[in-house]
């Protein structure tokens, strides 16, 4: 199976759960909020993250342009941390900037 896949499986919220839980997500994850989570999907443009403490959301870390050239995208199952930099009400997305991409 290709490692670059859409998140699916046990513990990954459905699209309907994300939509229904959006109000709670917005309250729990304001811009600037610190998060910890686990990589649950990889694409060439970034990674999908299951965020600890917020069960009905999938975060997206897509700032690969700011990722140092000597780093690779985190692997499936990797523990990650970062900050919420943006939320999109129209498609219920939470965008994350990972700490490891901020290193000098």
C-alpha atoms as a PDB file:
ATOM      1  CA  UNK A   1       0.000   0.000   0.000  1.00  0.00           C
ATOM      2  CA  UNK A   2       1.198   3.522  -0.766  1.00  0.00           C
ATOM      3  CA  UNK A   3       2.297   5.329   2.409  1.00  0.00           C
ATOM      4  CA  UNK A   4       0.715   8.529   1.113  1.00  0.00           C
ATOM      5  CA  UNK A   5      -2.876   7.770   2.007  1.00  0.00           C
ATOM      6  CA  UNK A   6      -5.931   9.482   3.376  1.00  0.00           C
ATOM      7  CA  UNK A   7      -6.543   8.877   7.107  1.00  0.00           C
ATOM      8  CA  UNK A   8      -8.947   6.076   7.938  1.00  0.00           C
ATOM      9  CA  UNK A   9      -9.380   3.404  10.541  1.00  0.00           C
ATOM     10  CA  UNK A  10     -10.143   2.997  14.228  1.00  0.00           C
ATOM     11  CA  UNK A  11     -10.180   6.255  16.141  1.00  0.00           C
ATOM     12  CA  UNK A  12     -10.271   8.484  13.057  1.00  0.00           C
ATOM     13  CA  UNK A  13     -13.427  10.608  13.105  1.00  0.00           C
ATOM     14  CA  UNK A  14     -15.855  10.417  10.214  1.00  0.00           C
ATOM     15  CA  UNK A  15     -16.614  13.458   8.098  1.00  0.00           C
ATOM     16  CA  UNK A  16     -20.031  13.648   9.797  1.00  0.00           C
ATOM     17  CA  UNK A  17     -18.468  13.557  13.290  1.00  0.00           C
ATOM     18  CA  UNK A  18     -16.070  16.363  12.318  1.00  0.00           C
ATOM     19  CA  UNK A  19     -18.980  18.448  10.989  1.00  0.00           C
ATOM     20  CA  UNK A  20     -21.157  17.865  14.052  1.00  0.00           C
ATOM     21  CA  UNK A  21     -18.303  18.557  16.466  1.00  0.00           C
ATOM     22  CA  UNK A  22     -17.093  21.746  14.756  1.00  0.00           C
ATOM     23  CA  UNK A  23     -18.469  24.155  17.389  1.00  0.00           C
ATOM     24  CA  UNK A  24     -16.642  22.250  20.135  1.00  0.00           C
ATOM     25  CA  UNK A  25     -13.501  22.124  17.987  1.00  0.00           C
ATOM     26  CA  UNK A  26     -13.515  25.911  17.499  1.00  0.00           C
ATOM     27  CA  UNK A  27     -13.896  26.436  21.254  1.00  0.00           C
ATOM     28  CA  UNK A  28     -11.129  23.942  22.109  1.00  0.00           C
ATOM     29  CA  UNK A  29      -8.621  24.996  19.435  1.00  0.00           C
ATOM     30  CA  UNK A  30      -8.358  28.765  18.993  1.00  0.00           C
ATOM     31  CA  UNK A  31      -5.568  30.093  16.803  1.00  0.00           C
ATOM     32  CA  UNK A  32      -2.351  29.942  18.781  1.00  0.00           C
ATOM     33  CA  UNK A  33      -3.417  26.887  20.808  1.00  0.00           C
ATOM     34  CA  UNK A  34      -0.658  24.351  21.455  1.00  0.00           C
ATOM     35  CA  UNK A  35      -1.462  20.783  20.387  1.00  0.00           C
ATOM     36  CA  UNK A  36       0.007  17.314  20.685  1.00  0.00           C
ATOM     37  CA  UNK A  37      -1.075  14.467  18.488  1.00  0.00           C
ATOM     38  CA  UNK A  38      -0.281  11.472  16.337  1.00  0.00           C
ATOM     39  CA  UNK A  39       0.263  11.304  12.585  1.00  0.00           C
ATOM     40  CA  UNK A  40      -2.601   9.271  11.102  1.00  0.00           C
ATOM     41  CA  UNK A  41      -2.097   9.984   7.409  1.00  0.00           C
ATOM     42  CA  UNK A  42       0.522  11.261   4.991  1.00  0.00           C
ATOM     43  CA  UNK A  43       0.256  13.031   1.680  1.00  0.00           C
ATOM     44  CA  UNK A  44       2.959  14.710  -0.364  1.00  0.00           C
ATOM     45  CA  UNK A  45       1.593  18.080   0.791  1.00  0.00           C
ATOM     46  CA  UNK A  46       1.714  17.310   4.540  1.00  0.00           C
ATOM     47  CA  UNK A  47       0.388  15.108   7.330  1.00  0.00           C
ATOM     48  CA  UNK A  48      -2.944  14.485   9.030  1.00  0.00           C
ATOM     49  CA  UNK A  49      -2.924  14.556  12.822  1.00  0.00           C
ATOM     50  CA  UNK A  50      -5.252  13.085  15.438  1.00  0.00           C
ATOM     51  CA  UNK A  51      -5.183  15.809  18.104  1.00  0.00           C
ATOM     52  CA  UNK A  52      -5.068  14.726  21.746  1.00  0.00           C
ATOM     53  CA  UNK A  53      -8.111  15.762  23.757  1.00  0.00           C
ATOM     54  CA  UNK A  54     -10.246  16.727  20.756  1.00  0.00           C
ATOM     55  CA  UNK A  55     -11.732  13.490  19.391  1.00  0.00           C
ATOM     56  CA  UNK A  56     -13.781  14.826  16.470  1.00  0.00           C
ATOM     57  CA  UNK A  57     -11.106  16.687  14.543  1.00  0.00           C
ATOM     58  CA  UNK A  58      -8.292  15.861  12.155  1.00  0.00           C
ATOM     59  CA  UNK A  59      -5.539  18.475  12.013  1.00  0.00           C
ATOM     60  CA  UNK A  60      -3.557  19.181   8.861  1.00  0.00           C
ATOM     61  CA  UNK A  61       0.109  20.141   8.882  1.00  0.00           C
ATOM     62  CA  UNK A  62       0.709  21.388   5.355  1.00  0.00           C
ATOM     63  CA  UNK A  63       3.411  24.013   5.722  1.00  0.00           C
ATOM     64  CA  UNK A  64       5.941  21.865   3.881  1.00  0.00           C
ATOM     65  CA  UNK A  65       7.415  24.988   2.285  1.00  0.00           C
ATOM     66  CA  UNK A  66       8.660  26.046   5.739  1.00  0.00           C
ATOM     67  CA  UNK A  67      10.021  22.575   6.545  1.00  0.00           C
ATOM     68  CA  UNK A  68      13.851  22.527   6.614  1.00  0.00           C
ATOM     69  CA  UNK A  69      15.247  20.756   3.551  1.00  0.00           C
ATOM     70  CA  UNK A  70      17.075  18.187   5.681  1.00  0.00           C
ATOM     71  CA  UNK A  71      13.841  16.967   7.329  1.00  0.00           C
ATOM     72  CA  UNK A  72      11.218  14.560   6.037  1.00  0.00           C
ATOM     73  CA  UNK A  73       7.529  14.487   6.835  1.00  0.00           C
ATOM     74  CA  UNK A  74       6.836  12.732  10.141  1.00  0.00           C
ATOM     75  CA  UNK A  75       6.091   9.032   9.728  1.00  0.00           C
ATOM     76  CA  UNK A  76       2.798   7.275  10.385  1.00  0.00           C
ATOM     77  CA  UNK A  77       2.207   6.962  14.125  1.00  0.00           C
ATOM     78  CA  UNK A  78       4.776   9.629  15.018  1.00  0.00           C
ATOM     79  CA  UNK A  79       4.049  11.820  18.035  1.00  0.00           C
ATOM     80  CA  UNK A  80       4.043  15.493  17.014  1.00  0.00           C
ATOM     81  CA  UNK A  81       3.449  18.878  18.619  1.00  0.00           C
ATOM     82  CA  UNK A  82       2.679  22.274  17.190  1.00  0.00           C
ATOM     83  CA  UNK A  83       0.390  25.257  17.152  1.00  0.00           C
ATOM     84  CA  UNK A  84      -2.982  25.983  15.511  1.00  0.00           C
ATOM     85  CA  UNK A  85      -2.388  28.617  12.844  1.00  0.00           C
ATOM     86  CA  UNK A  86      -5.747  28.649  11.062  1.00  0.00           C
ATOM     87  CA  UNK A  87      -9.258  27.188  11.029  1.00  0.00           C
ATOM     88  CA  UNK A  88     -11.637  27.011   8.101  1.00  0.00           C
ATOM     89  CA  UNK A  89     -15.349  26.977   8.884  1.00  0.00           C
ATOM     90  CA  UNK A  90     -16.379  26.148   5.305  1.00  0.00           C
ATOM     91  CA  UNK A  91     -14.640  22.753   5.302  1.00  0.00           C
ATOM     92  CA  UNK A  92     -13.973  22.193   9.025  1.00  0.00           C
ATOM     93  CA  UNK A  93     -10.186  22.146   8.769  1.00  0.00           C
ATOM     94  CA  UNK A  94      -7.674  22.910  11.511  1.00  0.00           C
ATOM     95  CA  UNK A  95      -4.251  23.824  10.156  1.00  0.00           C
ATOM     96  CA  UNK A  96      -1.228  23.076  12.340  1.00  0.00           C
ATOM     97  CA  UNK A  97       2.378  24.288  12.169  1.00  0.00           C
ATOM     98  CA  UNK A  98       4.603  21.611  13.638  1.00  0.00           C
ATOM     99  CA  UNK A  99       7.314  22.563  16.145  1.00  0.00           C
ATOM    100  CA  UNK A 100       9.948  20.478  14.400  1.00  0.00           C
ATOM    101  CA  UNK A 101       9.611  22.709  11.327  1.00  0.00           C
ATOM    102  CA  UNK A 102      10.536  25.766  13.432  1.00  0.00           C
ATOM    103  CA  UNK A 103      14.032  24.606  14.324  1.00  0.00           C
ATOM    104  CA  UNK A 104      16.943  26.803  13.183  1.00  0.00           C
END
